[in-house]
Amino acid sequence: MSVDTHTNGRTLDGYAQTSVDEVLVLVDADLARLPVEIRVTKAGLFGRGVGVLIDGVDGAPCPIQLIR
């Protein structure tokens, strides 16, 4: 997952788009095809950040292996 605030002049047609409050969320088409639930929330000390949680659908194991 990455955050990019510089989208002016970029082609965003390959992304599924949705809004969470005043934040435009772009989801990669490959990620959108997976059986996952993606939750985007406000985060951080003053609620100006974005938190993302990805899990399997209906409690199923998540098909994405996260590497830290």
PDB file of N, CA and C in Angstrom:
ATOM      1  N   MET A   1       0.867  -1.159   0.000  1.00  0.00           N
ATOM      2  CA  MET A   1       0.000   0.000   0.000  1.00  0.00           C
ATOM      3  C   MET A   1       0.904   1.208   0.000  1.00  0.00           C
ATOM      4  N   SER A   2       0.546   2.205  -0.799  1.00  0.00           N
ATOM      5  CA  SER A   2       1.345   3.423  -0.807  1.00  0.00           C
ATOM      6  C   SER A   2       0.417   4.633  -0.855  1.00  0.00           C
ATOM      7  N   VAL A   3       0.971   5.760  -0.549  1.00  0.00           N
ATOM      8  CA  VAL A   3       0.220   7.008  -0.572  1.00  0.00           C
ATOM      9  C   VAL A   3       0.917   7.947  -1.535  1.00  0.00           C
ATOM     10  N   ASP A   4       0.130   8.529  -2.426  1.00  0.00           N
ATOM     11  CA  ASP A   4       0.684   9.488  -3.376  1.00  0.00           C
ATOM     12  C   ASP A   4      -0.251  10.686  -3.421  1.00  0.00           C
ATOM     13  N   THR A   5       0.239  11.809  -3.020  1.00  0.00           N
ATOM     14  CA  THR A   5      -0.603  13.007  -3.018  1.00  0.00           C
ATOM     15  C   THR A   5      -0.411  13.835  -4.276  1.00  0.00           C
ATOM     16  N   HIS A   6       0.466  13.384  -5.164  1.00  0.00           N
ATOM     17  CA  HIS A   6       0.750  14.127  -6.387  1.00  0.00           C
ATOM     18  C   HIS A   6       0.136  13.394  -7.581  1.00  0.00           C
ATOM     19  N   THR A   7      -1.142  13.622  -7.828  1.00  0.00           N
ATOM     20  CA  THR A   7      -1.820  12.930  -8.923  1.00  0.00           C
ATOM     21  C   THR A   7      -2.153  13.855 -10.089  1.00  0.00           C
ATOM     22  N   ASN A   8      -1.817  15.124  -9.968  1.00  0.00           N
ATOM     23  CA  ASN A   8      -2.104  16.058 -11.062  1.00  0.00           C
ATOM     24  C   ASN A   8      -1.373  15.632 -12.322  1.00  0.00           C
ATOM     25  N   GLY A   9      -2.107  15.553 -13.415  1.00  0.00           N
ATOM     26  CA  GLY A   9      -1.506  15.199 -14.695  1.00  0.00           C
ATOM     27  C   GLY A   9      -1.276  13.716 -14.901  1.00  0.00           C
ATOM     28  N   ARG A  10      -1.650  12.883 -13.961  1.00  0.00           N
ATOM     29  CA  ARG A  10      -1.457  11.441 -14.095  1.00  0.00           C
ATOM     30  C   ARG A  10      -2.743  10.772 -14.553  1.00  0.00           C
ATOM     31  N   THR A  11      -2.607   9.710 -15.325  1.00  0.00           N
ATOM     32  CA  THR A  11      -3.753   8.939 -15.764  1.00  0.00           C
ATOM     33  C   THR A  11      -4.156   7.985 -14.654  1.00  0.00           C
ATOM     34  N   LEU A  12      -5.392   8.104 -14.178  1.00  0.00           N
ATOM     35  CA  LEU A  12      -5.863   7.295 -13.060  1.00  0.00           C
ATOM     36  C   LEU A  12      -6.945   6.307 -13.493  1.00  0.00           C
ATOM     37  N   ASP A  13      -7.063   6.087 -14.812  1.00  0.00           N
ATOM     38  CA  ASP A  13      -8.112   5.216 -15.344  1.00  0.00           C
ATOM     39  C   ASP A  13      -7.988   3.775 -14.868  1.00  0.00           C
ATOM     40  N   GLY A  14      -6.808   3.307 -14.546  1.00  0.00           N
ATOM     41  CA  GLY A  14      -6.602   1.924 -14.135  1.00  0.00           C
ATOM     42  C   GLY A  14      -6.969   1.649 -12.682  1.00  0.00           C
ATOM     43  N   TYR A  15      -7.447   2.643 -11.982  1.00  0.00           N
ATOM     44  CA  TYR A  15      -7.760   2.500 -10.565  1.00  0.00           C
ATOM     45  C   TYR A  15      -9.264   2.569 -10.319  1.00  0.00           C
ATOM     46  N   ALA A  16      -9.735   1.757  -9.382  1.00  0.00           N
ATOM     47  CA  ALA A  16     -11.092   1.924  -8.867  1.00  0.00           C
ATOM     48  C   ALA A  16     -11.024   3.108  -7.913  1.00  0.00           C
ATOM     49  N   GLN A  17     -12.002   4.012  -7.980  1.00  0.00           N
ATOM     50  CA  GLN A  17     -11.949   5.215  -7.165  1.00  0.00           C
ATOM     51  C   GLN A  17     -13.147   5.284  -6.228  1.00  0.00           C
ATOM     52  N   THR A  18     -12.881   5.673  -5.000  1.00  0.00           N
ATOM     53  CA  THR A  18     -13.938   5.904  -4.020  1.00  0.00           C
ATOM     54  C   THR A  18     -13.469   6.993  -3.075  1.00  0.00           C
ATOM     55  N   SER A  19     -14.383   7.578  -2.352  1.00  0.00           N
ATOM     56  CA  SER A  19     -14.033   8.634  -1.408  1.00  0.00           C
ATOM     57  C   SER A  19     -14.324   8.201   0.016  1.00  0.00           C
ATOM     58  N   VAL A  20     -13.438   8.559   0.927  1.00  0.00           N
ATOM     59  CA  VAL A  20     -13.630   8.372   2.356  1.00  0.00           C
ATOM     60  C   VAL A  20     -13.501   9.761   2.958  1.00  0.00           C
ATOM     61  N   ASP A  21     -14.630  10.304   3.400  1.00  0.00           N
ATOM     62  CA  ASP A  21     -14.696  11.700   3.826  1.00  0.00           C
ATOM     63  C   ASP A  21     -14.176  12.568   2.683  1.00  0.00           C
ATOM     64  N   GLU A  22     -13.099  13.280   2.893  1.00  0.00           N
ATOM     65  CA  GLU A  22     -12.563  14.162   1.856  1.00  0.00           C
ATOM     66  C   GLU A  22     -11.343  13.562   1.148  1.00  0.00           C
ATOM     67  N   VAL A  23     -11.077  12.281   1.360  1.00  0.00           N
ATOM     68  CA  VAL A  23      -9.908  11.625   0.786  1.00  0.00           C
ATOM     69  C   VAL A  23     -10.340  10.769  -0.388  1.00  0.00           C
ATOM     70  N   LEU A  24      -9.727  10.984  -1.556  1.00  0.00           N
ATOM     71  CA  LEU A  24      -9.967  10.140  -2.719  1.00  0.00           C
ATOM     72  C   LEU A  24      -9.057   8.924  -2.618  1.00  0.00           C
ATOM     73  N   VAL A  25      -9.648   7.730  -2.635  1.00  0.00           N
ATOM     74  CA  VAL A  25      -8.890   6.489  -2.509  1.00  0.00           C
ATOM     75  C   VAL A  25      -8.855   5.810  -3.874  1.00  0.00           C
ATOM     76  N   LEU A  26      -7.650   5.514  -4.338  1.00  0.00           N
ATOM     77  CA  LEU A  26      -7.446   4.827  -5.607  1.00  0.00           C
ATOM     78  C   LEU A  26      -6.981   3.412  -5.303  1.00  0.00           C
ATOM     79  N   VAL A  27      -7.724   2.414  -5.791  1.00  0.00           N
ATOM     80  CA  VAL A  27      -7.385   1.018  -5.534  1.00  0.00           C
ATOM     81  C   VAL A  27      -6.936   0.394  -6.842  1.00  0.00           C
ATOM     82  N   ASP A  28      -5.744  -0.189  -6.837  1.00  0.00           N
ATOM     83  CA  ASP A  28      -5.202  -0.848  -8.012  1.00  0.00           C
ATOM     84  C   ASP A  28      -6.153  -1.933  -8.499  1.00  0.00           C
ATOM     85  N   ALA A  29      -6.308  -2.070  -9.802  1.00  0.00           N
ATOM     86  CA  ALA A  29      -7.237  -3.043 -10.383  1.00  0.00           C
ATOM     87  C   ALA A  29      -6.899  -4.472  -9.965  1.00  0.00           C
ATOM     88  N   ASP A  30      -5.614  -4.827  -9.866  1.00  0.00           N
ATOM     89  CA  ASP A  30      -5.222  -6.178  -9.437  1.00  0.00           C
ATOM     90  C   ASP A  30      -5.651  -6.437  -8.002  1.00  0.00           C
ATOM     91  N   LEU A  31      -5.523  -5.450  -7.140  1.00  0.00           N
ATOM     92  CA  LEU A  31      -5.947  -5.590  -5.750  1.00  0.00           C
ATOM     93  C   LEU A  31      -7.471  -5.680  -5.660  1.00  0.00           C
ATOM     94  N   ALA A  32      -8.161  -4.922  -6.481  1.00  0.00           N
ATOM     95  CA  ALA A  32      -9.620  -4.923  -6.461  1.00  0.00           C
ATOM     96  C   ALA A  32     -10.204  -6.278  -6.872  1.00  0.00           C
ATOM     97  N   ARG A  33      -9.470  -7.078  -7.631  1.00  0.00           N
ATOM     98  CA  ARG A  33      -9.943  -8.396  -8.073  1.00  0.00           C
ATOM     99  C   ARG A  33      -9.812  -9.468  -6.996  1.00  0.00           C
ATOM    100  N   LEU A  34      -8.990  -9.238  -5.989  1.00  0.00           N
ATOM    101  CA  LEU A  34      -8.759 -10.235  -4.950  1.00  0.00           C
ATOM    102  C   LEU A  34      -9.933 -10.292  -3.972  1.00  0.00           C
ATOM    103  N   PRO A  35     -10.155 -11.463  -3.358  1.00  0.00           N
ATOM    104  CA  PRO A  35     -11.232 -11.576  -2.373  1.00  0.00           C
ATOM    105  C   PRO A  35     -10.811 -11.005  -1.019  1.00  0.00           C
ATOM    106  N   VAL A  36     -10.722  -9.684  -0.970  1.00  0.00           N
ATOM    107  CA  VAL A  36     -10.299  -9.022   0.257  1.00  0.00           C
ATOM    108  C   VAL A  36     -11.282  -7.914   0.623  1.00  0.00           C
ATOM    109  N   GLU A  37     -11.298  -7.588   1.907  1.00  0.00           N
ATOM    110  CA  GLU A  37     -12.014  -6.422   2.396  1.00  0.00           C
ATOM    111  C   GLU A  37     -10.971  -5.378   2.753  1.00  0.00           C
ATOM    112  N   ILE A  38     -11.138  -4.181   2.239  1.00  0.00           N
ATOM    113  CA  ILE A  38     -10.201  -3.099   2.489  1.00  0.00           C
ATOM    114  C   ILE A  38     -10.936  -2.030   3.292  1.00  0.00           C
ATOM    115  N   ARG A  39     -10.390  -1.714   4.459  1.00  0.00           N
ATOM    116  CA  ARG A  39     -10.986  -0.663   5.285  1.00  0.00           C
ATOM    117  C   ARG A  39     -10.000   0.497   5.382  1.00  0.00           C
ATOM    118  N   VAL A  40     -10.470   1.669   5.013  1.00  0.00           N
ATOM    119  CA  VAL A  40      -9.656   2.877   5.069  1.00  0.00           C
ATOM    120  C   VAL A  40     -10.261   3.788   6.122  1.00  0.00           C
ATOM    121  N   THR A  41      -9.433   4.231   7.061  1.00  0.00           N
ATOM    122  CA  THR A  41      -9.912   5.081   8.144  1.00  0.00           C
ATOM    123  C   THR A  41      -8.968   6.258   8.338  1.00  0.00           C
ATOM    124  N   LYS A  42      -9.460   7.248   9.026  1.00  0.00           N
ATOM    125  CA  LYS A  42      -8.574   8.340   9.432  1.00  0.00           C
ATOM    126  C   LYS A  42      -7.712   7.831  10.574  1.00  0.00           C
ATOM    127  N   ALA A  43      -6.481   8.263  10.604  1.00  0.00           N
ATOM    128  CA  ALA A  43      -5.550   7.795  11.630  1.00  0.00           C
ATOM    129  C   ALA A  43      -4.642   8.947  12.032  1.00  0.00           C
ATOM    130  N   GLY A  44      -3.803   8.674  12.976  1.00  0.00           N
ATOM    131  CA  GLY A  44      -2.837   9.667  13.405  1.00  0.00           C
ATOM    132  C   GLY A  44      -3.340  10.503  14.564  1.00  0.00           C
ATOM    133  N   LEU A  45      -2.460  11.279  15.104  1.00  0.00           N
ATOM    134  CA  LEU A  45      -2.743  12.071  16.292  1.00  0.00           C
ATOM    135  C   LEU A  45      -3.901  13.051  16.088  1.00  0.00           C
ATOM    136  N   PHE A  46      -3.932  13.702  14.938  1.00  0.00           N
ATOM    137  CA  PHE A  46      -4.976  14.682  14.676  1.00  0.00           C
ATOM    138  C   PHE A  46      -5.967  14.218  13.615  1.00  0.00           C
ATOM    139  N   GLY A  47      -5.936  12.938  13.275  1.00  0.00           N
ATOM    140  CA  GLY A  47      -6.872  12.408  12.292  1.00  0.00           C
ATOM    141  C   GLY A  47      -6.599  12.866  10.876  1.00  0.00           C
ATOM    142  N   ARG A  48      -5.359  13.275  10.610  1.00  0.00           N
ATOM    143  CA  ARG A  48      -5.019  13.748   9.267  1.00  0.00           C
ATOM    144  C   ARG A  48      -4.333  12.675   8.441  1.00  0.00           C
ATOM    145  N   GLY A  49      -4.021  11.547   9.055  1.00  0.00           N
ATOM    146  CA  GLY A  49      -3.398  10.455   8.332  1.00  0.00           C
ATOM    147  C   GLY A  49      -4.441   9.467   7.849  1.00  0.00           C
ATOM    148  N   VAL A  50      -3.993   8.430   7.189  1.00  0.00           N
ATOM    149  CA  VAL A  50      -4.879   7.397   6.664  1.00  0.00           C
ATOM    150  C   VAL A  50      -4.388   6.045   7.159  1.00  0.00           C
ATOM    151  N   GLY A  51      -5.303   5.245   7.686  1.00  0.00           N
ATOM    152  CA  GLY A  51      -4.991   3.886   8.101  1.00  0.00           C
ATOM    153  C   GLY A  51      -5.673   2.906   7.166  1.00  0.00           C
ATOM    154  N   VAL A  52      -5.012   1.817   6.840  1.00  0.00           N
ATOM    155  CA  VAL A  52      -5.564   0.816   5.924  1.00  0.00           C
ATOM    156  C   VAL A  52      -5.456  -0.548   6.567  1.00  0.00           C
ATOM    157  N   LEU A  53      -6.552  -1.310   6.523  1.00  0.00           N
ATOM    158  CA  LEU A  53      -6.570  -2.678   7.017  1.00  0.00           C
ATOM    159  C   LEU A  53      -7.115  -3.566   5.907  1.00  0.00           C
ATOM    160  N   ILE A  54      -6.360  -4.584   5.537  1.00  0.00           N
ATOM    161  CA  ILE A  54      -6.786  -5.521   4.498  1.00  0.00           C
ATOM    162  C   ILE A  54      -6.942  -6.886   5.136  1.00  0.00           C
ATOM    163  N   ASP A  55      -8.085  -7.526   4.896  1.00  0.00           N
ATOM    164  CA  ASP A  55      -8.379  -8.830   5.487  1.00  0.00           C
ATOM    165  C   ASP A  55      -9.120  -9.670   4.460  1.00  0.00           C
ATOM    166  N   GLY A  56      -9.202 -10.966   4.701  1.00  0.00           N
ATOM    167  CA  GLY A  56      -9.972 -11.846   3.839  1.00  0.00           C
ATOM    168  C   GLY A  56     -11.458 -11.586   3.984  1.00  0.00           C
ATOM    169  N   VAL A  57     -12.226 -11.941   2.976  1.00  0.00           N
ATOM    170  CA  VAL A  57     -13.672 -11.728   2.983  1.00  0.00           C
ATOM    171  C   VAL A  57     -14.330 -12.672   3.978  1.00  0.00           C
ATOM    172  N   ASP A  58     -15.218 -12.143   4.802  1.00  0.00           N
ATOM    173  CA  ASP A  58     -15.988 -12.918   5.782  1.00  0.00           C
ATOM    174  C   ASP A  58     -15.112 -13.790   6.680  1.00  0.00           C
ATOM    175  N   GLY A  59     -13.977 -13.259   7.103  1.00  0.00           N
ATOM    176  CA  GLY A  59     -13.108 -13.974   8.031  1.00  0.00           C
ATOM    177  C   GLY A  59     -12.190 -14.999   7.398  1.00  0.00           C
ATOM    178  N   ALA A  60     -12.225 -15.127   6.065  1.00  0.00           N
ATOM    179  CA  ALA A  60     -11.321 -16.056   5.377  1.00  0.00           C
ATOM    180  C   ALA A  60      -9.890 -15.537   5.492  1.00  0.00           C
ATOM    181  N   PRO A  61      -8.913 -16.426   5.351  1.00  0.00           N
ATOM    182  CA  PRO A  61      -7.521 -15.961   5.391  1.00  0.00           C
ATOM    183  C   PRO A  61      -7.257 -14.942   4.285  1.00  0.00           C
ATOM    184  N   CYS A  62      -6.476 -13.960   4.596  1.00  0.00           N
ATOM    185  CA  CYS A  62      -6.134 -12.930   3.616  1.00  0.00           C
ATOM    186  C   CYS A  62      -5.183 -13.526   2.574  1.00  0.00           C
ATOM    187  N   PRO A  63      -5.482 -13.362   1.278  1.00  0.00           N
ATOM    188  CA  PRO A  63      -4.605 -13.938   0.249  1.00  0.00           C
ATOM    189  C   PRO A  63      -3.333 -13.119  -0.001  1.00  0.00           C
ATOM    190  N   ILE A  64      -3.181 -12.018   0.731  1.00  0.00           N
ATOM    191  CA  ILE A  64      -2.008 -11.154   0.560  1.00  0.00           C
ATOM    192  C   ILE A  64      -1.059 -11.405   1.711  1.00  0.00           C
ATOM    193  N   GLN A  65       0.188 -11.702   1.395  1.00  0.00           N
ATOM    194  CA  GLN A  65       1.227 -11.881   2.398  1.00  0.00           C
ATOM    195  C   GLN A  65       1.953 -10.560   2.585  1.00  0.00           C
ATOM    196  N   LEU A  66       1.798  -9.937   3.743  1.00  0.00           N
ATOM    197  CA  LEU A  66       2.443  -8.665   4.006  1.00  0.00           C
ATOM    198  C   LEU A  66       3.847  -8.894   4.532  1.00  0.00           C
ATOM    199  N   ILE A  67       4.788  -8.156   3.994  1.00  0.00           N
ATOM    200  CA  ILE A  67       6.187  -8.236   4.415  1.00  0.00           C
ATOM    201  C   ILE A  67       6.532  -6.912   5.063  1.00  0.00           C
ATOM    202  N   ARG A  68       7.087  -6.965   6.257  1.00  0.00           N
ATOM    203  CA  ARG A  68       7.478  -5.727   6.956  1.00  0.00           C
ATOM    204  C   ARG A  68       8.957  -5.548   6.906  1.00  0.00           C
TER     205      ARG A  68
END
